[in-house]
Amino acid sequence: MLEKKISDYINKNNSPFASDVSLPETINSRQLSFYEISDKPTLLFLLIGIIISIFIFLFALTDIDKSLKKRSYQLECDYPEIVSKLLLLHGAGLTIQNAFSTILADYKRKGDPHYIYQEIEFMLNKLKSGASESGAYAELGTRCQLHAYIKLGTLLEQNIRKGSSDLQNALNQEVYEAFSFHKSNVLSSGEKAGTKMLLPMILILIVVMMLIIIPAFLSINIL
């Protein structure tokens, strides 16, 4: 009803060719107010959108950082196994490329996903497509982005280029260093885990002490 009266007022008091429209101030002694509805987002919605975008971006960065740390940790844990298998297979008479192929085939039978084996498969595919063997080994270390793999890649690259006959001894030394480093990493991880458990243990101790002390004080007050 009100809408019809406003429409009648506009049709009665305005020309259809006028650029401005006169609106009623009152109808049936009721004061009217008119507001322009904008299709553009308000500043508040814009700020909310920006804040949500920042939180999404920070969450994505945190998730990426966790994934990278998980990858690095897994690569470090797998390194002793990789170099020890290389040492064993190379000592049995296999070339480094064939040793890597054997390692990858053994991994595929297990089916447990590990980053280093994915990198080895990528490297072997490059070799099959005609890439140089020395360059492929160097790139393997670079892609892993860990000092141990970079060192191994450099060692294998130099062996291909210079034809060093001392690769077996070098791999043997690398195995020793890899297991020593892995042992220290395990001890360090155990110490960190123990530190993280310290706070919950302290809180549990406080709760237990409160459960003992509070009833004791209450019994004293009763006596």
Protein backbone atom coordinates (compact mmCIF):
# COMPACT_ATOMS: atom_id res chain seq x y z
CA MET A 1 0.00 0.00 0.00
CA LEU A 2 2.77 2.41 0.95
CA GLU A 3 4.70 1.50 -2.17
CA LYS A 4 1.65 2.31 -4.34
CA LYS A 5 1.18 5.73 -2.70
CA ILE A 6 4.87 6.57 -3.27
CA SER A 7 4.59 5.47 -6.89
CA ASP A 8 1.44 7.58 -7.38
CA TYR A 9 3.17 10.60 -5.85
CA ILE A 10 6.18 10.23 -8.17
CA ASN A 11 3.95 9.87 -11.26
CA LYS A 12 1.87 12.86 -10.24
CA ASN A 13 4.67 15.27 -9.26
CA ASN A 14 7.43 14.39 -11.72
CA SER A 15 7.87 14.66 -15.45
CA PRO A 16 8.86 11.43 -17.25
CA PHE A 17 11.67 13.40 -18.96
CA ALA A 18 13.13 14.97 -15.81
CA SER A 19 16.66 13.99 -14.78
CA ASP A 20 15.81 14.32 -11.07
CA VAL A 21 12.89 12.75 -9.23
CA SER A 22 11.02 14.45 -6.42
CA LEU A 23 10.17 12.09 -3.56
CA PRO A 24 7.50 12.55 -0.89
CA GLU A 25 8.63 13.63 2.57
CA THR A 26 5.49 12.40 4.30
CA ILE A 27 2.59 10.10 3.50
CA ASN A 28 -0.43 9.89 5.77
CA SER A 29 1.45 12.10 8.28
CA ARG A 30 4.28 9.58 8.42
CA GLN A 31 7.84 10.86 7.93
CA LEU A 32 9.68 9.06 5.13
CA SER A 33 13.42 8.56 4.61
CA PHE A 34 15.02 7.29 1.44
CA TYR A 35 18.45 5.64 1.08
CA GLU A 36 20.46 4.86 -1.98
CA ILE A 37 21.32 1.15 -2.30
CA SER A 38 24.78 0.65 -3.73
CA ASP A 39 25.85 -2.46 -5.59
CA LYS A 40 29.50 -1.82 -4.66
CA PRO A 41 30.92 -3.65 -1.62
CA THR A 42 31.24 -1.54 1.47
CA LEU A 43 34.58 -0.81 3.12
CA LEU A 44 33.72 -3.22 5.93
CA PHE A 45 33.24 -6.16 3.57
CA LEU A 46 36.43 -5.16 1.76
CA LEU A 47 38.41 -5.19 5.01
CA ILE A 48 36.91 -8.54 6.02
CA GLY A 49 37.88 -9.97 2.64
CA ILE A 50 41.46 -8.68 3.00
CA ILE A 51 41.79 -10.12 6.52
CA ILE A 52 40.45 -13.52 5.42
CA SER A 53 42.83 -13.52 2.45
CA ILE A 54 45.79 -12.78 4.75
CA PHE A 55 44.82 -15.65 7.08
CA ILE A 56 44.47 -18.05 4.14
CA PHE A 57 47.88 -16.96 2.82
CA LEU A 58 49.55 -17.42 6.22
CA PHE A 59 47.91 -20.83 6.65
CA ALA A 60 49.14 -21.89 3.21
CA LEU A 61 52.69 -20.75 4.07
CA THR A 62 52.58 -22.71 7.34
CA ASP A 63 51.33 -25.80 5.51
CA ILE A 64 54.09 -25.49 2.89
CA ASP A 65 56.71 -25.05 5.61
CA LYS A 66 55.50 -28.21 7.38
CA SER A 67 55.60 -30.15 4.12
CA LEU A 68 59.15 -29.00 3.39
CA LYS A 69 60.31 -29.95 6.89
CA LYS A 70 58.67 -33.37 6.55
CA ARG A 71 60.38 -33.86 3.18
CA SER A 72 63.80 -32.87 4.54
CA TYR A 73 63.43 -35.12 7.57
CA GLN A 74 62.42 -38.11 5.43
CA LEU A 75 65.29 -37.51 3.00
CA GLU A 76 67.76 -37.40 5.90
CA CYS A 77 66.40 -40.64 7.35
CA ASP A 78 66.58 -42.44 3.98
CA TYR A 79 70.11 -41.31 3.12
CA PRO A 80 72.05 -44.01 5.07
CA GLU A 81 69.95 -46.72 3.41
CA ILE A 82 70.55 -45.29 -0.07
CA VAL A 83 74.34 -45.01 0.24
CA SER A 84 74.65 -48.42 1.91
CA LYS A 85 72.67 -50.05 -0.94
CA LEU A 86 74.83 -48.21 -3.49
CA LEU A 87 77.97 -49.48 -1.75
CA LEU A 88 76.66 -53.06 -1.65
CA LEU A 89 75.43 -53.15 -5.26
CA HIS A 90 78.47 -51.38 -6.69
CA GLY A 91 80.70 -53.77 -4.75
CA ALA A 92 78.77 -56.65 -6.36
CA GLY A 93 79.80 -55.39 -9.81
CA LEU A 94 76.84 -53.19 -10.85
CA THR A 95 77.33 -49.76 -12.37
CA ILE A 96 75.96 -46.82 -10.42
CA GLN A 97 73.07 -46.41 -12.88
CA ASN A 98 72.15 -50.09 -12.62
CA ALA A 99 72.49 -49.91 -8.84
CA PHE A 100 70.00 -47.04 -8.75
CA SER A 101 67.66 -49.02 -11.03
CA THR A 102 67.84 -52.00 -8.66
CA ILE A 103 67.18 -49.76 -5.63
CA LEU A 104 64.15 -48.24 -7.37
CA ALA A 105 62.77 -51.66 -8.38
CA ASP A 106 63.09 -52.87 -4.79
CA TYR A 107 61.28 -49.74 -3.56
CA LYS A 108 58.39 -50.23 -6.00
CA ARG A 109 57.79 -53.72 -4.66
CA LYS A 110 57.29 -52.26 -1.19
CA GLY A 111 55.03 -49.42 -2.34
CA ASP A 112 55.78 -47.14 0.61
CA PRO A 113 55.96 -43.51 -0.70
CA HIS A 114 59.31 -41.80 -0.11
CA TYR A 115 60.61 -38.60 -1.68
CA ILE A 116 64.12 -39.86 -2.47
CA TYR A 117 62.84 -42.75 -4.57
CA GLN A 118 60.66 -40.36 -6.55
CA GLU A 119 63.77 -38.27 -7.21
CA ILE A 120 65.73 -41.38 -8.24
CA GLU A 121 62.94 -42.37 -10.67
CA PHE A 122 62.97 -38.86 -12.15
CA MET A 123 66.76 -39.08 -12.55
CA LEU A 124 66.61 -42.50 -14.25
CA ASN A 125 63.91 -41.26 -16.63
CA LYS A 126 66.19 -38.37 -17.59
CA LEU A 127 69.03 -40.81 -18.25
CA LYS A 128 66.75 -42.93 -20.46
CA SER A 129 65.83 -39.80 -22.42
CA GLY A 130 69.50 -39.16 -23.21
CA ALA A 131 70.72 -36.88 -20.39
CA SER A 132 74.36 -37.14 -19.34
CA GLU A 133 74.99 -39.46 -16.40
CA SER A 134 77.28 -37.08 -14.53
CA GLY A 135 74.82 -34.18 -14.87
CA ALA A 136 71.91 -36.35 -13.71
CA TYR A 137 73.75 -37.32 -10.51
CA ALA A 138 74.63 -33.70 -9.79
CA GLU A 139 71.01 -32.62 -10.36
CA LEU A 140 69.79 -35.35 -8.00
CA GLY A 141 71.73 -33.76 -5.16
CA THR A 142 70.60 -30.26 -6.13
CA ARG A 143 66.91 -31.22 -6.23
CA CYS A 144 67.09 -32.86 -2.80
CA GLN A 145 68.55 -29.59 -1.41
CA LEU A 146 70.39 -31.36 1.40
CA HIS A 147 74.14 -31.32 1.96
CA ALA A 148 74.43 -35.13 2.12
CA TYR A 149 72.77 -35.66 -1.27
CA ILE A 150 74.68 -32.78 -2.86
CA LYS A 151 77.91 -34.39 -1.63
CA LEU A 152 76.84 -37.80 -2.99
CA GLY A 153 75.86 -36.28 -6.35
CA THR A 154 79.24 -34.52 -6.60
CA LEU A 155 81.04 -37.75 -5.68
CA LEU A 156 79.24 -39.74 -8.38
CA GLU A 157 79.65 -36.95 -10.93
CA GLN A 158 83.41 -36.82 -10.36
CA ASN A 159 83.61 -40.60 -10.64
CA ILE A 160 81.95 -40.49 -14.08
CA ARG A 161 84.06 -37.59 -15.35
CA LYS A 162 87.44 -38.62 -13.97
CA GLY A 163 86.89 -42.37 -13.88
CA SER A 164 88.09 -42.67 -10.29
CA SER A 165 88.79 -46.23 -9.20
CA ASP A 166 88.44 -45.31 -5.54
CA LEU A 167 84.63 -44.96 -5.58
CA GLN A 168 84.11 -48.01 -3.39
CA ASN A 169 86.26 -46.57 -0.59
CA ALA A 170 84.58 -43.18 -0.95
CA LEU A 171 81.13 -44.79 -0.67
CA ASN A 172 82.28 -46.80 2.31
CA GLN A 173 83.38 -43.60 4.05
CA GLU A 174 80.09 -41.95 3.10
CA VAL A 175 78.13 -44.84 4.65
CA TYR A 176 80.06 -44.46 7.90
CA GLU A 177 79.44 -40.69 8.03
CA ALA A 178 75.77 -41.12 7.07
CA PHE A 179 75.04 -43.57 9.88
CA SER A 180 76.98 -41.41 12.39
CA PHE A 181 74.96 -38.36 11.36
CA HIS A 182 71.72 -40.34 11.50
CA LYS A 183 72.58 -41.56 15.00
CA SER A 184 73.20 -38.01 16.23
CA ASN A 185 69.93 -36.91 14.60
CA VAL A 186 68.00 -39.66 16.40
CA LEU A 187 69.54 -38.64 19.74
CA SER A 188 68.74 -34.98 19.05
CA SER A 189 65.13 -35.83 18.14
CA GLY A 190 64.81 -37.85 21.36
CA GLU A 191 66.06 -34.90 23.41
CA LYS A 192 63.58 -32.56 21.69
CA ALA A 193 60.74 -35.01 22.34
CA GLY A 194 61.78 -35.24 25.99
CA THR A 195 61.77 -31.45 26.27
CA LYS A 196 58.28 -31.26 24.78
CA MET A 197 57.04 -33.84 27.28
CA LEU A 198 58.51 -31.90 30.21
CA LEU A 199 55.75 -29.26 30.39
CA PRO A 200 52.83 -31.76 30.44
CA MET A 201 54.66 -33.75 33.13
CA ILE A 202 55.08 -30.61 35.26
CA LEU A 203 51.38 -29.77 34.87
CA ILE A 204 50.41 -33.32 35.89
CA LEU A 205 52.72 -33.05 38.93
CA ILE A 206 51.07 -29.75 39.97
CA VAL A 207 47.60 -31.29 39.66
CA VAL A 208 48.61 -34.32 41.72
CA MET A 209 50.15 -32.09 44.42
CA MET A 210 46.96 -30.01 44.54
CA LEU A 211 44.87 -33.16 44.91
CA ILE A 212 47.00 -34.15 47.90
CA ILE A 213 47.49 -30.74 49.56
CA ILE A 214 43.95 -29.33 49.27
CA PRO A 215 42.21 -32.25 51.08
CA ALA A 216 44.96 -32.10 53.74
CA PHE A 217 44.25 -28.40 54.41
CA LEU A 218 40.53 -29.01 54.44
CA SER A 219 40.93 -31.81 57.01
CA ILE A 220 43.04 -29.50 59.21
CA ASN A 221 40.34 -26.80 59.11
CA ILE A 222 37.67 -29.36 60.00
CA LEU A 223 39.68 -30.55 63.02
